[in-house]
Amino acid sequence: MTEGYKDLIVWRRSMELAEAIYALTAHFPPPEQYGIVSQMRRSAVSIPSNIAEGSRRIGKKEFRQFLAIAFGSGSELETQIELSQRLKLGRPSDYTRVNSLLDECMKMLSTMLRKKE
C-alpha cells in the first residue's frame, strides 16, 4: 500500500474504539479485570494492530488476510460487549459509543474485504 495505515479511516476509528473500550472497562468490577476486561481489551487492540500490520505487508492477499483477522477480532469484541451488557457490567448509556464505533469499523472492514477479493 502506498498510503500509511495511519491515513486509513478504519484504523483511526478502530483506535478510537480501543480507547473507548479501555474507558468502558475501567469501571468494571475488580473481579472482572482478569476475565472479560482482559478479553475485551485484547480484542479491541487487535483490530487496529492487524490493520497496521497488514498494510505493511507485501501484496493484497496478505493485507486481506490481516483485514480478515481484524474483522474476526471485531466479532469477538461484539460478543464480549453483548455479554458484558447482559451481565450489567455498565450502564446502558456506557455502551452507546463503543457499539457505534464497532459497527462503523465492522462495516468498513467488510467493505474493504469485499473490494480486496
Protein backbone atom coordinates (compact mmCIF):
# COMPACT_ATOMS: atom_id res chain seq x y z
CA MET A 1 0.00 0.00 0.00
CA THR A 2 1.23 3.45 -0.79
CA GLU A 3 -0.65 5.24 2.00
CA GLY A 4 0.31 4.66 5.59
CA TYR A 5 -2.06 2.81 7.87
CA LYS A 6 -2.48 5.95 9.98
CA ASP A 7 -4.19 7.52 6.96
CA LEU A 8 -6.84 4.79 6.89
CA ILE A 9 -10.14 5.88 8.41
CA VAL A 10 -10.79 2.32 9.61
CA TRP A 11 -7.50 2.35 11.54
CA ARG A 12 -8.31 5.71 13.14
CA ARG A 13 -11.82 4.61 14.14
CA SER A 14 -10.54 1.31 15.49
CA MET A 15 -8.04 3.21 17.63
CA GLU A 16 -10.93 5.31 18.96
CA LEU A 17 -12.79 2.06 19.63
CA ALA A 18 -9.85 0.63 21.59
CA GLU A 19 -9.66 3.81 23.67
CA ALA A 20 -13.43 3.66 24.30
CA ILE A 21 -13.17 0.01 25.38
CA TYR A 22 -10.41 0.89 27.85
CA ALA A 23 -12.56 3.69 29.27
CA LEU A 24 -15.64 1.45 29.49
CA THR A 25 -13.86 -1.47 31.15
CA ALA A 26 -12.05 0.78 33.65
CA HIS A 27 -15.35 0.89 35.56
CA PHE A 28 -16.00 -2.86 35.58
CA PRO A 29 -15.78 -4.66 38.95
CA PRO A 30 -12.27 -5.67 40.07
CA PRO A 31 -13.02 -9.43 39.83
CA GLU A 32 -13.51 -8.96 36.07
CA GLN A 33 -10.04 -7.47 35.46
CA TYR A 34 -8.56 -10.84 34.52
CA GLY A 35 -11.70 -12.08 32.84
CA ILE A 36 -13.87 -10.15 30.44
CA VAL A 37 -11.90 -6.89 30.80
CA SER A 38 -8.70 -8.54 29.61
CA GLN A 39 -10.53 -10.28 26.74
CA MET A 40 -12.29 -7.11 25.59
CA ARG A 41 -9.12 -5.05 25.66
CA ARG A 42 -7.12 -7.65 23.72
CA SER A 43 -9.84 -7.95 21.09
CA ALA A 44 -10.12 -4.17 20.75
CA VAL A 45 -6.35 -3.69 20.42
CA SER A 46 -6.15 -6.49 17.88
CA ILE A 47 -8.32 -4.63 15.36
CA PRO A 48 -6.05 -1.63 14.64
CA SER A 49 -2.94 -3.75 15.20
CA ASN A 50 -3.89 -6.16 12.42
CA ILE A 51 -4.90 -3.34 10.09
CA ALA A 52 -1.50 -1.74 10.65
CA GLU A 53 0.45 -4.97 10.23
CA GLY A 54 -1.46 -5.97 7.12
CA SER A 55 -0.96 -2.60 5.48
CA ARG A 56 2.82 -3.03 5.78
CA ARG A 57 2.80 -6.47 4.19
CA ILE A 58 3.70 -7.01 0.57
CA GLY A 59 0.75 -7.83 -1.61
CA LYS A 60 -3.00 -7.53 -1.47
CA LYS A 61 -3.50 -11.16 -0.44
CA GLU A 62 -1.55 -10.68 2.79
CA PHE A 63 -3.30 -7.39 3.55
CA ARG A 64 -6.67 -9.07 3.03
CA GLN A 65 -5.67 -11.85 5.45
CA PHE A 66 -4.90 -9.31 8.19
CA LEU A 67 -8.14 -7.43 7.47
CA ALA A 68 -9.96 -10.74 7.96
CA ILE A 69 -8.19 -11.25 11.29
CA ALA A 70 -9.18 -7.71 12.34
CA PHE A 71 -12.78 -8.49 11.32
CA GLY A 72 -12.66 -11.66 13.42
CA SER A 73 -11.39 -9.70 16.41
CA GLY A 74 -14.28 -7.30 15.92
CA SER A 75 -16.69 -10.22 16.03
CA GLU A 76 -15.11 -11.43 19.26
CA LEU A 77 -15.43 -7.94 20.73
CA GLU A 78 -19.06 -7.73 19.62
CA THR A 79 -19.80 -10.91 21.58
CA GLN A 80 -17.87 -9.71 24.63
CA ILE A 81 -19.73 -6.39 24.61
CA GLU A 82 -23.04 -8.24 24.39
CA LEU A 83 -22.09 -10.48 27.32
CA SER A 84 -20.93 -7.56 29.45
CA GLN A 85 -24.23 -5.79 28.77
CA ARG A 86 -26.19 -8.92 29.72
CA LEU A 87 -24.16 -9.14 32.93
CA LYS A 88 -24.98 -5.47 33.57
CA LEU A 89 -21.33 -4.54 33.99
CA GLY A 90 -22.00 -0.97 32.97
CA ARG A 91 -24.84 1.44 32.39
CA PRO A 92 -26.66 1.08 29.05
CA SER A 93 -25.52 4.59 28.12
CA ASP A 94 -21.88 3.49 28.57
CA TYR A 95 -22.24 1.20 25.57
CA THR A 96 -23.60 3.72 23.08
CA ARG A 97 -20.20 4.93 21.83
CA VAL A 98 -18.49 1.54 21.74
CA ASN A 99 -21.38 -0.06 19.86
CA SER A 100 -21.43 2.80 17.35
CA LEU A 101 -17.66 2.69 16.77
CA LEU A 102 -17.63 -1.10 16.49
CA ASP A 103 -20.48 -1.04 13.98
CA GLU A 104 -18.66 1.56 11.90
CA CYS A 105 -15.39 -0.40 11.97
CA MET A 106 -17.08 -3.67 11.04
CA LYS A 107 -18.85 -2.05 8.08
CA MET A 108 -15.61 -0.54 6.81
CA LEU A 109 -13.71 -3.81 7.23
CA SER A 110 -16.46 -5.73 5.47
CA THR A 111 -16.36 -3.30 2.55
CA MET A 112 -12.57 -3.49 2.35
CA LEU A 113 -12.65 -7.28 2.41
CA ARG A 114 -15.16 -7.39 -0.45
CA LYS A 115 -13.03 -4.98 -2.51
CA LYS A 116 -9.85 -7.00 -1.92
CA GLU A 117 -11.29 -10.23 -3.36
